[in-house]
């Protein structure tokens, strides 16, 4: 066996190895994208009710502080506007 023959056989395997690396990365990316895009399972009723309760509590705390305008002053709700003041209506 000559040294030239073994080098000739090793080169195609080296090329296949270099082609297998991007192919493996592509397959891993496809599997990751499949699992990442699956819809999540519906929440258990207990967890859903606790989450909604926390949401309502946070909303109540936020609204208890009063409505704020862009200037930072409390907005007047259902009041008669003075001169130069726009009317603010509650919904």
N, C-alpha and C. Protein backbone atom coordinates (compact mmCIF):
# COMPACT_ATOMS: atom_id res chain seq x y z
N UNK A 1 0.84 -1.16 0.00
CA UNK A 1 0.00 0.00 0.00
C UNK A 1 0.89 1.23 0.00
N UNK A 2 0.57 2.18 -0.81
CA UNK A 2 1.33 3.41 -0.89
C UNK A 2 0.71 4.46 0.00
N UNK A 3 1.54 5.42 0.44
CA UNK A 3 1.03 6.50 1.29
C UNK A 3 0.02 7.37 0.55
N UNK A 4 0.16 7.53 -0.74
CA UNK A 4 -0.75 8.35 -1.54
C UNK A 4 -2.16 7.78 -1.56
N UNK A 5 -2.28 6.45 -1.48
CA UNK A 5 -3.60 5.82 -1.52
C UNK A 5 -4.39 6.08 -0.24
N UNK A 6 -3.76 6.03 0.91
CA UNK A 6 -4.48 6.26 2.16
C UNK A 6 -4.90 7.71 2.31
N UNK A 7 -4.08 8.63 1.80
CA UNK A 7 -4.47 10.03 1.85
C UNK A 7 -5.67 10.28 0.94
N UNK A 8 -5.74 9.61 -0.17
CA UNK A 8 -6.86 9.77 -1.09
C UNK A 8 -8.16 9.26 -0.48
N UNK A 9 -8.12 8.22 0.31
CA UNK A 9 -9.32 7.66 0.94
C UNK A 9 -9.76 8.51 2.13
N UNK A 10 -8.85 9.13 2.81
CA UNK A 10 -9.19 9.91 4.01
C UNK A 10 -9.83 11.24 3.62
N UNK A 11 -9.49 11.77 2.45
CA UNK A 11 -10.02 13.07 2.07
C UNK A 11 -11.53 13.08 1.86
N UNK A 12 -12.12 12.09 1.18
CA UNK A 12 -13.58 12.10 1.06
C UNK A 12 -14.29 11.99 2.41
N UNK A 13 -13.73 11.25 3.34
CA UNK A 13 -14.33 11.15 4.67
C UNK A 13 -14.24 12.48 5.40
N UNK A 14 -13.15 13.20 5.20
CA UNK A 14 -13.01 14.52 5.82
C UNK A 14 -14.05 15.49 5.25
N UNK A 15 -14.27 15.41 3.94
CA UNK A 15 -15.29 16.26 3.32
C UNK A 15 -16.68 15.93 3.84
N UNK A 16 -16.98 14.66 3.99
CA UNK A 16 -18.28 14.24 4.51
C UNK A 16 -18.46 14.71 5.94
N UNK A 17 -17.39 14.68 6.72
CA UNK A 17 -17.48 15.15 8.09
C UNK A 17 -17.78 16.64 8.12
N UNK A 18 -17.14 17.42 7.27
CA UNK A 18 -17.40 18.86 7.23
C UNK A 18 -18.81 19.16 6.74
N UNK A 19 -19.37 18.34 5.90
CA UNK A 19 -20.75 18.51 5.45
C UNK A 19 -21.76 18.05 6.52
N UNK A 20 -21.35 17.11 7.36
CA UNK A 20 -22.25 16.59 8.39
C UNK A 20 -22.46 17.61 9.52
N UNK A 21 -21.50 18.47 9.77
CA UNK A 21 -21.62 19.45 10.85
C UNK A 21 -22.77 20.43 10.59
N UNK A 22 -22.85 21.09 9.42
CA UNK A 22 -24.00 21.97 9.19
C UNK A 22 -25.32 21.21 9.11
N UNK A 23 -25.27 19.98 8.59
CA UNK A 23 -26.49 19.18 8.52
C UNK A 23 -27.00 18.85 9.93
N UNK A 24 -26.11 18.50 10.83
CA UNK A 24 -26.51 18.24 12.21
C UNK A 24 -27.04 19.50 12.87
N UNK A 25 -26.42 20.65 12.61
CA UNK A 25 -26.91 21.91 13.17
C UNK A 25 -28.30 22.23 12.63
N UNK A 26 -28.54 21.95 11.35
CA UNK A 26 -29.86 22.18 10.76
C UNK A 26 -30.91 21.30 11.42
N UNK A 27 -30.60 20.03 11.61
CA UNK A 27 -31.55 19.12 12.24
C UNK A 27 -31.84 19.53 13.68
N UNK A 28 -30.82 19.93 14.41
CA UNK A 28 -31.03 20.39 15.79
C UNK A 28 -31.89 21.65 15.80
N UNK A 29 -31.66 22.55 14.86
CA UNK A 29 -32.48 23.76 14.76
C UNK A 29 -33.93 23.46 14.43
N UNK A 30 -34.17 22.50 13.56
CA UNK A 30 -35.54 22.12 13.21
C UNK A 30 -36.26 21.53 14.42
N UNK A 31 -35.58 20.66 15.15
CA UNK A 31 -36.20 20.06 16.35
C UNK A 31 -36.47 21.13 17.40
N UNK A 32 -35.53 22.06 17.60
CA UNK A 32 -35.74 23.13 18.58
C UNK A 32 -36.92 24.01 18.17
N UNK A 33 -37.00 24.37 16.88
CA UNK A 33 -38.10 25.21 16.41
C UNK A 33 -39.44 24.51 16.58
N UNK A 34 -39.48 23.21 16.36
CA UNK A 34 -40.72 22.46 16.54
C UNK A 34 -41.18 22.53 17.99
N UNK A 35 -40.27 22.26 18.92
CA UNK A 35 -40.65 22.26 20.33
C UNK A 35 -40.92 23.67 20.85
N UNK A 36 -40.21 24.66 20.34
CA UNK A 36 -40.41 26.04 20.81
C UNK A 36 -41.74 26.61 20.31
N UNK A 37 -42.22 26.16 19.17
CA UNK A 37 -43.45 26.74 18.60
C UNK A 37 -44.71 25.99 19.00
N UNK A 38 -44.59 24.93 19.78
CA UNK A 38 -45.80 24.21 20.20
C UNK A 38 -46.61 25.08 21.14
N UNK A 39 -47.93 24.99 21.06
CA UNK A 39 -48.75 25.77 22.00
C UNK A 39 -48.57 25.20 23.41
N UNK A 40 -48.63 26.10 24.38
CA UNK A 40 -48.45 25.65 25.76
C UNK A 40 -49.71 24.93 26.23
N UNK A 41 -49.53 24.11 27.23
CA UNK A 41 -50.67 23.39 27.79
C UNK A 41 -51.57 24.35 28.52
N UNK A 42 -52.86 24.07 28.54
CA UNK A 42 -53.75 24.94 29.32
C UNK A 42 -53.40 24.87 30.80
N UNK A 43 -53.53 26.00 31.46
CA UNK A 43 -53.19 26.05 32.88
C UNK A 43 -54.24 25.30 33.69
N UNK A 44 -53.83 24.77 34.81
CA UNK A 44 -54.77 24.12 35.72
C UNK A 44 -55.69 25.20 36.29
N UNK A 45 -56.89 24.81 36.64
CA UNK A 45 -57.86 25.79 37.10
C UNK A 45 -57.35 26.53 38.34
N UNK A 46 -56.73 25.82 39.27
CA UNK A 46 -56.21 26.45 40.49
C UNK A 46 -55.19 27.52 40.15
N UNK A 47 -54.26 27.21 39.26
CA UNK A 47 -53.23 28.19 38.86
C UNK A 47 -53.85 29.37 38.14
N UNK A 48 -54.83 29.09 37.28
CA UNK A 48 -55.48 30.16 36.54
C UNK A 48 -56.23 31.11 37.47
N UNK A 49 -56.92 30.58 38.45
CA UNK A 49 -57.68 31.41 39.38
C UNK A 49 -56.73 32.24 40.26
N UNK A 50 -55.62 31.66 40.69
CA UNK A 50 -54.64 32.41 41.49
C UNK A 50 -54.02 33.53 40.67
N UNK A 51 -53.72 33.25 39.41
CA UNK A 51 -53.15 34.27 38.53
C UNK A 51 -54.14 35.41 38.32
N UNK A 52 -55.41 35.09 38.10
CA UNK A 52 -56.42 36.12 37.91
C UNK A 52 -56.61 36.93 39.19
N UNK A 53 -56.54 36.27 40.34
CA UNK A 53 -56.67 36.97 41.62
C UNK A 53 -55.52 37.97 41.81
N UNK A 54 -54.29 37.55 41.48
CA UNK A 54 -53.14 38.45 41.58
C UNK A 54 -53.30 39.63 40.62
N UNK A 55 -53.82 39.37 39.43
CA UNK A 55 -54.05 40.43 38.46
C UNK A 55 -55.05 41.44 38.99
N UNK A 56 -56.17 40.97 39.53
CA UNK A 56 -57.19 41.87 40.06
C UNK A 56 -56.64 42.68 41.23
N UNK A 57 -55.86 42.05 42.10
CA UNK A 57 -55.27 42.75 43.24
C UNK A 57 -54.32 43.85 42.76
N UNK A 58 -53.48 43.54 41.78
CA UNK A 58 -52.54 44.54 41.25
C UNK A 58 -53.29 45.68 40.57
N UNK A 59 -54.37 45.35 39.87
CA UNK A 59 -55.16 46.37 39.20
C UNK A 59 -55.84 47.27 40.23
N UNK A 60 -56.34 46.68 41.32
CA UNK A 60 -56.99 47.47 42.36
C UNK A 60 -55.99 48.40 43.04
N UNK A 61 -54.77 47.92 43.27
CA UNK A 61 -53.75 48.76 43.89
C UNK A 61 -53.37 49.91 42.98
N UNK A 62 -53.27 49.64 41.69
CA UNK A 62 -52.88 50.67 40.73
C UNK A 62 -53.98 51.74 40.61
N UNK A 63 -55.22 51.31 40.55
CA UNK A 63 -56.30 52.28 40.39
C UNK A 63 -56.62 53.01 41.68
N UNK A 64 -56.24 52.48 42.82
CA UNK A 64 -56.49 53.15 44.10
C UNK A 64 -55.62 54.40 44.23
N UNK A 65 -54.53 54.48 43.52
CA UNK A 65 -53.64 55.62 43.57
C UNK A 65 -54.20 56.83 42.84
N UNK A 66 -55.28 56.68 42.13
CA UNK A 66 -55.89 57.79 41.40
C UNK A 66 -55.39 57.85 39.98
N UNK A 67 -56.19 58.46 39.13
CA UNK A 67 -55.79 58.62 37.74
C UNK A 67 -54.78 59.76 37.64
N UNK A 68 -53.80 59.58 36.82
CA UNK A 68 -52.76 60.59 36.63
C UNK A 68 -52.77 61.04 35.19
N UNK A 69 -52.54 62.31 34.99
CA UNK A 69 -52.42 62.84 33.63
C UNK A 69 -50.96 62.85 33.25
N UNK A 70 -50.67 63.32 32.06
CA UNK A 70 -49.29 63.37 31.59
C UNK A 70 -48.45 64.34 32.43
N UNK A 71 -49.09 65.34 33.03
CA UNK A 71 -48.35 66.30 33.86
C UNK A 71 -48.12 65.79 35.28
N UNK A 72 -48.75 64.66 35.64
CA UNK A 72 -48.54 64.10 36.96
C UNK A 72 -49.57 64.54 37.97
N UNK A 73 -50.50 65.41 37.61
CA UNK A 73 -51.52 65.83 38.57
C UNK A 73 -52.72 64.91 38.43
N UNK A 74 -53.49 64.80 39.49
CA UNK A 74 -54.67 63.94 39.46
C UNK A 74 -55.71 64.54 38.53
N UNK A 75 -56.34 63.69 37.71
CA UNK A 75 -57.36 64.15 36.77
C UNK A 75 -58.67 64.35 37.51
N UNK A 76 -59.43 65.34 37.08
CA UNK A 76 -60.75 65.57 37.66
C UNK A 76 -61.76 64.75 36.87
N UNK A 77 -62.49 63.92 37.57
CA UNK A 77 -63.47 63.07 36.92
C UNK A 77 -64.86 63.62 37.23
N UNK A 78 -65.70 63.79 36.20
CA UNK A 78 -67.07 64.30 36.31
C UNK A 78 -67.14 65.65 37.01
N UNK A 79 -66.20 66.52 36.77
CA UNK A 79 -66.23 67.84 37.36
C UNK A 79 -66.47 68.86 36.26
N UNK A 80 -66.89 70.04 36.66
CA UNK A 80 -67.10 71.10 35.69
C UNK A 80 -65.75 71.73 35.37
N UNK A 81 -65.40 71.80 34.10
CA UNK A 81 -64.09 72.36 33.77
C UNK A 81 -64.06 73.86 34.00
N UNK A 82 -62.92 74.32 34.47
CA UNK A 82 -62.73 75.75 34.67
C UNK A 82 -62.30 76.38 33.36
N UNK A 83 -61.90 77.61 33.41
CA UNK A 83 -61.46 78.29 32.20
C UNK A 83 -60.19 77.66 31.66
N UNK A 84 -60.22 77.28 30.40
CA UNK A 84 -59.02 76.72 29.77
C UNK A 84 -58.77 75.26 30.10
N UNK A 85 -59.63 74.61 30.89
CA UNK A 85 -59.44 73.20 31.24
C UNK A 85 -60.36 72.34 30.40
N UNK A 86 -59.85 71.27 29.82
CA UNK A 86 -60.70 70.39 29.06
C UNK A 86 -61.55 69.51 29.99
N UNK A 87 -62.71 69.12 29.54
CA UNK A 87 -63.58 68.24 30.34
C UNK A 87 -63.04 66.83 30.26
N UNK A 88 -62.96 66.13 31.39
CA UNK A 88 -62.54 64.75 31.46
C UNK A 88 -63.74 63.93 31.88
N UNK A 89 -64.10 62.96 31.08
CA UNK A 89 -65.27 62.14 31.36
C UNK A 89 -64.82 60.76 31.81
N UNK A 90 -65.53 60.21 32.77
CA UNK A 90 -65.25 58.83 33.17
C UNK A 90 -65.99 57.90 32.26
N UNK A 91 -65.45 56.73 32.08
CA UNK A 91 -66.06 55.76 31.16
C UNK A 91 -66.90 54.77 31.91
